[in-house]
Structure formats: structure tokens, C-alpha cells
Protein backbone atom coordinates (compact mmCIF):
# COMPACT_ATOMS: atom_id res chain seq x y z
CA ARG A 1 85.30 51.22 -40.34
CA GLU A 2 81.90 50.42 -38.52
CA ALA A 3 80.45 48.44 -41.76
CA LEU A 4 83.96 46.59 -41.69
CA ALA A 5 84.04 45.86 -37.96
CA VAL A 6 80.16 44.24 -38.37
CA THR A 7 81.22 42.44 -41.15
CA ALA A 8 84.62 41.06 -39.23
CA GLN A 9 82.17 40.59 -36.08
CA LEU A 10 79.54 39.05 -37.98
CA CYS A 11 81.40 37.05 -40.58
CA GLY A 12 84.69 36.48 -38.85
CA PRO A 13 85.17 32.68 -39.98
CA GLU A 14 84.21 33.32 -43.40
CA LEU A 15 86.37 36.45 -43.46
CA GLU A 16 89.50 34.30 -42.10
CA ARG A 17 88.97 31.56 -44.57
CA TYR A 18 88.75 33.89 -47.55
CA GLY A 19 92.08 35.72 -46.15
CA ARG A 20 94.01 32.30 -45.79
CA CYS A 21 92.54 31.44 -49.40
CA VAL A 22 93.94 34.59 -51.13
CA ALA A 23 97.06 34.53 -49.37
CA ALA A 24 97.84 31.03 -50.48
CA SER A 25 96.90 31.70 -54.14
CA PRO A 26 98.75 35.03 -54.87
CA GLY A 27 98.29 34.21 -58.82
CA SER A 28 95.20 32.76 -58.98
CA TRP A 29 93.03 33.54 -55.97
CA HIS A 30 90.39 35.37 -58.07
CA ARG A 31 89.50 31.83 -59.25
CA ASP A 32 90.29 29.78 -56.17
CA CYS A 33 88.80 32.03 -53.65
CA HIS A 34 85.53 32.96 -55.59
CA GLN A 35 83.21 30.47 -53.64
CA LEU A 36 84.47 31.72 -50.30
CA SER A 37 84.29 35.37 -51.44
CA LEU A 38 80.45 34.86 -52.20
CA ARG A 39 80.14 33.29 -48.73
CA VAL A 40 81.51 36.65 -47.24
CA THR A 41 79.23 38.84 -49.24
CA GLU A 42 76.06 36.75 -48.40
CA CYS A 43 77.20 36.63 -44.66
CA ALA A 44 77.75 40.34 -44.91
CA SER A 45 74.55 41.36 -46.82
CA ASN A 46 72.37 40.37 -43.92
CA HIS A 47 73.28 43.58 -41.88
CA PRO A 48 71.31 46.80 -42.81
CA LEU A 49 74.56 49.19 -42.66
CA VAL A 50 76.29 46.81 -44.75
CA ARG A 51 73.39 46.62 -47.23
CA ARG A 52 73.23 50.39 -47.36
CA ILE A 53 77.01 50.60 -48.24
CA ARG A 54 76.80 47.95 -50.81
CA ARG A 55 73.92 50.16 -52.34
CA ASP A 56 75.46 53.49 -51.88
CA CYS A 57 79.11 52.51 -52.93
CA SER A 58 78.39 49.99 -55.49
CA ASP A 59 80.17 52.23 -58.37
CA SER A 60 83.59 52.50 -56.20
CA PHE A 61 83.37 48.87 -54.79
CA GLY A 62 82.75 47.73 -58.72
CA ALA A 63 85.82 49.87 -59.80
CA PHE A 64 87.72 48.01 -57.20
CA GLU A 65 86.52 44.87 -58.36
CA ARG A 66 87.41 45.36 -61.84
CA CYS A 67 90.74 46.43 -61.11
CA LEU A 68 91.20 43.13 -59.18
CA ARG A 69 90.04 41.05 -62.07
CA GLU A 70 92.29 43.19 -64.73
CA ARG A 71 95.38 42.99 -62.29
CA PRO A 72 95.04 39.62 -60.36
CA ARG A 73 98.96 39.45 -60.00
CA SER A 74 99.31 43.12 -59.16
CA ALA A 75 96.58 43.98 -56.85
CA ALA A 76 98.50 46.67 -55.15
CA GLU A 77 97.45 48.78 -58.05
CA CYS A 78 94.20 48.69 -57.28
CA GLY A 79 95.12 51.08 -53.84
CA PRO A 80 93.21 54.13 -55.39
CA HIS A 81 89.82 52.28 -56.09
CA VAL A 82 90.41 50.69 -52.31
CA SER A 83 90.59 53.98 -50.88
CA GLN A 84 87.70 55.66 -52.84
CA PHE A 85 85.40 52.68 -51.81
CA LEU A 86 86.62 53.01 -48.35
CA LEU A 87 86.15 56.76 -48.31
CA CYS A 88 82.44 56.21 -49.52
CA ALA A 89 81.87 53.74 -46.94
CA GLN A 90 82.92 55.94 -44.27
CA ASN A 91 80.82 58.79 -45.26
CA VAL A 92 77.74 56.29 -45.27
CA THR A 93 78.54 55.13 -41.70
CA GLN A 94 79.28 59.03 -40.72
CA ASN A 95 75.44 59.65 -41.80
CA VAL A 96 73.83 56.82 -39.58
CA THR A 97 72.04 57.75 -36.57
CA PRO A 98 72.87 55.25 -33.42
CA GLY A 99 69.75 52.76 -33.60
CA ASP A 100 68.82 53.61 -37.16
CA THR A 101 70.75 51.24 -39.12
CA ALA A 102 67.74 49.95 -40.45
CA THR A 103 67.08 53.17 -42.64
CA ALA A 104 70.65 54.21 -42.23
CA THR A 105 69.43 57.99 -42.40
CA SER A 106 70.24 60.84 -40.22
CA SER A 107 67.19 62.84 -38.69
CA ALA A 108 69.10 65.22 -37.05
CA THR A 109 70.12 67.11 -40.22
CA PRO A 110 67.96 68.15 -42.65
CA ARG A 111 69.33 67.19 -46.30
CA ASP A 112 69.03 69.45 -49.70
């Protein structure tokens, strides 16, 4: 949630344009909105927490993107992929110590 909130805060106009494009192009959004998607990605990638999520959750996000490409007219079928990605992103954000988003590690708990 925190990463999504950061993205919305930092990239609100880009997200809004992308969302309007997707809503207006249900059958061709993956082509019609590609440049807008790239702008959201570029904007979001400037934040350390978002970079950490992109790195740590790349497998689940890639599976979600593949699902969307394979089912452009039935994106609802990709719900399980979205859930996996959001769970991963939530795990990443929960392991971040406040003020430590640059390294995105928790110094309070040792890791095995």
C-alpha cells in the first residue's frame, strides 16, 4: 500500500492519464496506453521503495503483465496475479524501517 501511495503521490497525473486511457480502450488499452504506462513506470522508478518492490517482486509483476497481454479483453482473469504481486509488495513495505527507504532493510530484526 505504501508503494502504491508513494506512486500515487509522486505520479498522480501520470496515473490518472493512464487510468483514463485504459478505461476508454477496453479492447486495445495494452497498445493504446503503452506510452502512458511507460511514463508512470519512469516516474515511479525514481523512489527507493518503488525500486525495491520492482526488484523484489519482479517475478510476480512479470506474471501479471504476461497475463494481461494474453488476456487483453478479460483482465479480470488476472486477479490471482495481482494478488500475488500485492502480497509481495506488502511484504517489502512491511520490512522497511521508517527513514530507511534508501536501503529498504530492517536493522531491528536479524535475518537468517
